[in-house]
Amino acid sequence: MDWIPEEIGYTKVFNALKTGGVFARFANHPFRCKNEPDLARAIDAAYEKYYYPFHNKQSQVPVEYTEEDAKQRTEIALKYGFVDVEYKLFHRIREFDADEYVELLGTYSDHIAMDEPVRELFYKDIKQAINEHGGVLKLYDTIDLQLARKK
């Protein structure tokens, strides 16, 4: 999900920079349940039941952010006039119990937008899935740092 459409964000940043100025963009790309297919299926079932119907969206299989994705993202900055575009990927693993993970989901704007009764049922199913599969969910974060210079 993009918070600011690229044509607005990249143009504003480019125009705000002096010649030679550098734009740094960080993005975190969490991927859940990498080595836990049963937990992944249980959480996917909750998304199928509540999230996708509420947002009237087609279901999507979560995919891990890759180096190829980062390379393709550099094309965006080039498209808006930046040069010397570079990226660096960082990785970390975070662990959450059921309550902590639902608290994290409660910070996502698309989850907050769900009607409260639907959201509560959705979160209940997610908590149940985590608790029934060992009580811990791991997020595998790929953090993408991109640097781009204004010529």
Protein backbone atom coordinates (compact mmCIF):
# COMPACT_ATOMS: atom_id res chain seq x y z
CA MET A 1 0.00 0.00 0.00
CA ASP A 2 1.33 3.43 -0.90
CA TRP A 3 0.48 6.27 1.40
CA ILE A 4 1.30 8.97 -1.15
CA PRO A 5 0.87 8.38 -4.88
CA GLU A 6 4.30 8.20 -6.50
CA GLU A 7 3.64 10.98 -8.99
CA ILE A 8 2.91 13.38 -6.13
CA GLY A 9 5.56 12.20 -3.66
CA TYR A 10 8.52 11.82 -5.99
CA THR A 11 7.76 15.09 -7.79
CA LYS A 12 7.48 17.03 -4.51
CA VAL A 13 10.70 15.55 -3.14
CA PHE A 14 12.55 16.22 -6.39
CA ASN A 15 11.35 19.83 -6.49
CA ALA A 16 12.22 20.40 -2.81
CA LEU A 17 15.82 19.24 -3.17
CA LYS A 18 18.69 21.44 -4.22
CA THR A 19 20.95 20.24 -7.02
CA GLY A 20 23.06 17.42 -5.63
CA GLY A 21 20.60 16.80 -2.77
CA VAL A 22 19.85 13.22 -1.80
CA PHE A 23 16.48 11.58 -1.19
CA ALA A 24 16.43 8.63 1.23
CA ARG A 25 13.39 6.33 1.24
CA PHE A 26 12.91 3.55 3.77
CA ALA A 27 10.20 0.92 3.44
CA ASN A 28 9.52 -2.13 5.56
CA HIS A 29 8.11 -5.22 3.87
CA PRO A 30 6.97 -7.74 6.49
CA PHE A 31 6.35 -11.36 5.48
CA ARG A 32 4.63 -13.62 7.97
CA CYS A 33 4.81 -17.33 8.67
CA LYS A 34 7.71 -18.02 6.29
CA ASN A 35 8.38 -21.46 7.72
CA GLU A 36 4.96 -22.09 9.27
CA PRO A 37 2.55 -23.15 6.50
CA ASP A 38 -0.22 -24.31 8.84
CA LEU A 39 -0.28 -20.99 10.66
CA ALA A 40 -0.12 -19.14 7.34
CA ARG A 41 -3.17 -21.06 6.05
CA ALA A 42 -5.11 -20.34 9.24
CA ILE A 43 -4.38 -16.61 9.03
CA ASP A 44 -5.12 -16.58 5.30
CA ALA A 45 -8.51 -18.14 6.11
CA ALA A 46 -9.29 -15.22 8.44
CA TYR A 47 -8.36 -12.76 5.68
CA GLU A 48 -10.58 -14.67 3.23
CA LYS A 49 -13.49 -14.60 5.67
CA TYR A 50 -13.31 -10.99 6.83
CA TYR A 51 -10.70 -8.71 5.25
CA TYR A 52 -11.13 -9.31 1.51
CA PRO A 53 -14.96 -9.30 1.55
CA PHE A 54 -15.02 -6.12 3.64
CA HIS A 55 -12.67 -4.30 1.26
CA ASN A 56 -14.28 -5.92 -1.79
CA LYS A 57 -10.87 -7.14 -2.94
CA GLN A 58 -9.62 -10.31 -4.54
CA SER A 59 -7.56 -12.43 -2.20
CA GLN A 60 -3.80 -12.27 -2.62
CA VAL A 61 -1.15 -14.75 -1.66
CA PRO A 62 1.44 -12.94 0.47
CA VAL A 63 4.86 -12.84 -1.19
CA GLU A 64 8.21 -11.99 0.30
CA TYR A 65 9.92 -8.79 -0.90
CA THR A 66 12.98 -9.64 -2.97
CA GLU A 67 16.10 -8.00 -4.28
CA GLU A 68 14.45 -8.00 -7.73
CA ASP A 69 11.57 -5.97 -6.24
CA ALA A 70 14.08 -3.46 -4.86
CA LYS A 71 15.81 -3.19 -8.24
CA GLN A 72 12.46 -2.53 -9.94
CA ARG A 73 11.66 0.17 -7.37
CA THR A 74 14.79 2.07 -8.34
CA GLU A 75 13.17 2.61 -11.74
CA ILE A 76 10.54 4.80 -10.08
CA ALA A 77 13.11 7.33 -8.86
CA LEU A 78 14.81 7.34 -12.26
CA LYS A 79 11.46 8.06 -13.90
CA TYR A 80 11.17 11.29 -11.89
CA GLY A 81 14.63 12.61 -12.77
CA PHE A 82 16.78 11.23 -9.95
CA VAL A 83 20.23 9.82 -10.69
CA ASP A 84 22.74 7.61 -8.88
CA VAL A 85 19.92 5.52 -7.44
CA GLU A 86 21.10 2.85 -5.01
CA TYR A 87 19.38 0.49 -2.62
CA LYS A 88 20.38 -1.64 0.35
CA LEU A 89 18.28 -4.37 1.94
CA PHE A 90 18.31 -5.14 5.66
CA HIS A 91 16.63 -8.14 7.30
CA ARG A 92 15.28 -8.87 10.75
CA ILE A 93 12.87 -11.26 12.41
CA ARG A 94 10.28 -10.10 14.91
CA GLU A 95 8.24 -12.42 17.13
CA PHE A 96 4.75 -11.66 18.41
CA ASP A 97 2.31 -13.44 20.66
CA ALA A 98 -1.33 -13.32 19.55
CA ASP A 99 -2.20 -10.12 21.42
CA GLU A 100 0.93 -8.32 20.25
CA TYR A 101 0.32 -9.27 16.63
CA VAL A 102 -3.27 -8.04 16.72
CA GLU A 103 -2.02 -4.79 18.29
CA LEU A 104 0.34 -4.42 15.32
CA LEU A 105 -2.49 -5.07 12.86
CA GLY A 106 -4.42 -2.36 14.67
CA THR A 107 -1.89 0.19 13.41
CA TYR A 108 -2.52 -0.62 9.71
CA SER A 109 -4.87 1.90 8.11
CA ASP A 110 -6.67 -0.72 5.99
CA HIS A 111 -7.34 -2.80 9.10
CA ILE A 112 -8.47 0.23 11.12
CA ALA A 113 -10.92 1.07 8.31
CA MET A 114 -12.84 -2.18 8.82
CA ASP A 115 -16.15 -1.85 10.68
CA GLU A 116 -15.50 -2.61 14.34
CA PRO A 117 -17.73 -5.72 14.60
CA VAL A 118 -16.05 -7.27 11.54
CA ARG A 119 -12.60 -6.23 12.69
CA GLU A 120 -13.15 -7.76 16.14
CA LEU A 121 -14.21 -11.12 14.65
CA PHE A 122 -11.25 -10.97 12.26
CA TYR A 123 -8.82 -10.30 15.11
CA LYS A 124 -10.40 -13.05 17.21
CA ASP A 125 -9.78 -15.58 14.43
CA ILE A 126 -6.19 -14.40 14.00
CA LYS A 127 -5.52 -14.69 17.73
CA GLN A 128 -7.04 -18.16 17.75
CA ALA A 129 -4.90 -19.22 14.77
CA ILE A 130 -1.70 -18.05 16.47
CA ASN A 131 -2.60 -19.65 19.78
CA GLU A 132 -3.51 -22.95 18.11
CA HIS A 133 -0.17 -23.03 16.26
CA GLY A 134 2.32 -22.53 19.06
CA GLY A 135 1.42 -19.07 20.34
CA VAL A 136 4.09 -17.17 18.38
CA LEU A 137 4.00 -15.54 14.96
CA LYS A 138 7.25 -14.52 13.25
CA LEU A 139 7.49 -11.62 10.86
CA TYR A 140 10.40 -11.67 8.46
CA ASP A 141 11.07 -8.03 7.65
CA THR A 142 12.94 -6.83 4.59
CA ILE A 143 13.79 -3.18 5.05
CA ASP A 144 14.54 -1.37 1.82
CA LEU A 145 16.71 1.77 1.93
CA GLN A 146 16.88 3.64 -1.35
CA LEU A 147 19.09 6.65 -2.01
CA ALA A 148 18.65 8.86 -5.06
CA ARG A 149 20.35 12.13 -5.98
CA LYS A 150 18.98 15.17 -7.76
CA LYS A 151 21.25 16.05 -10.66
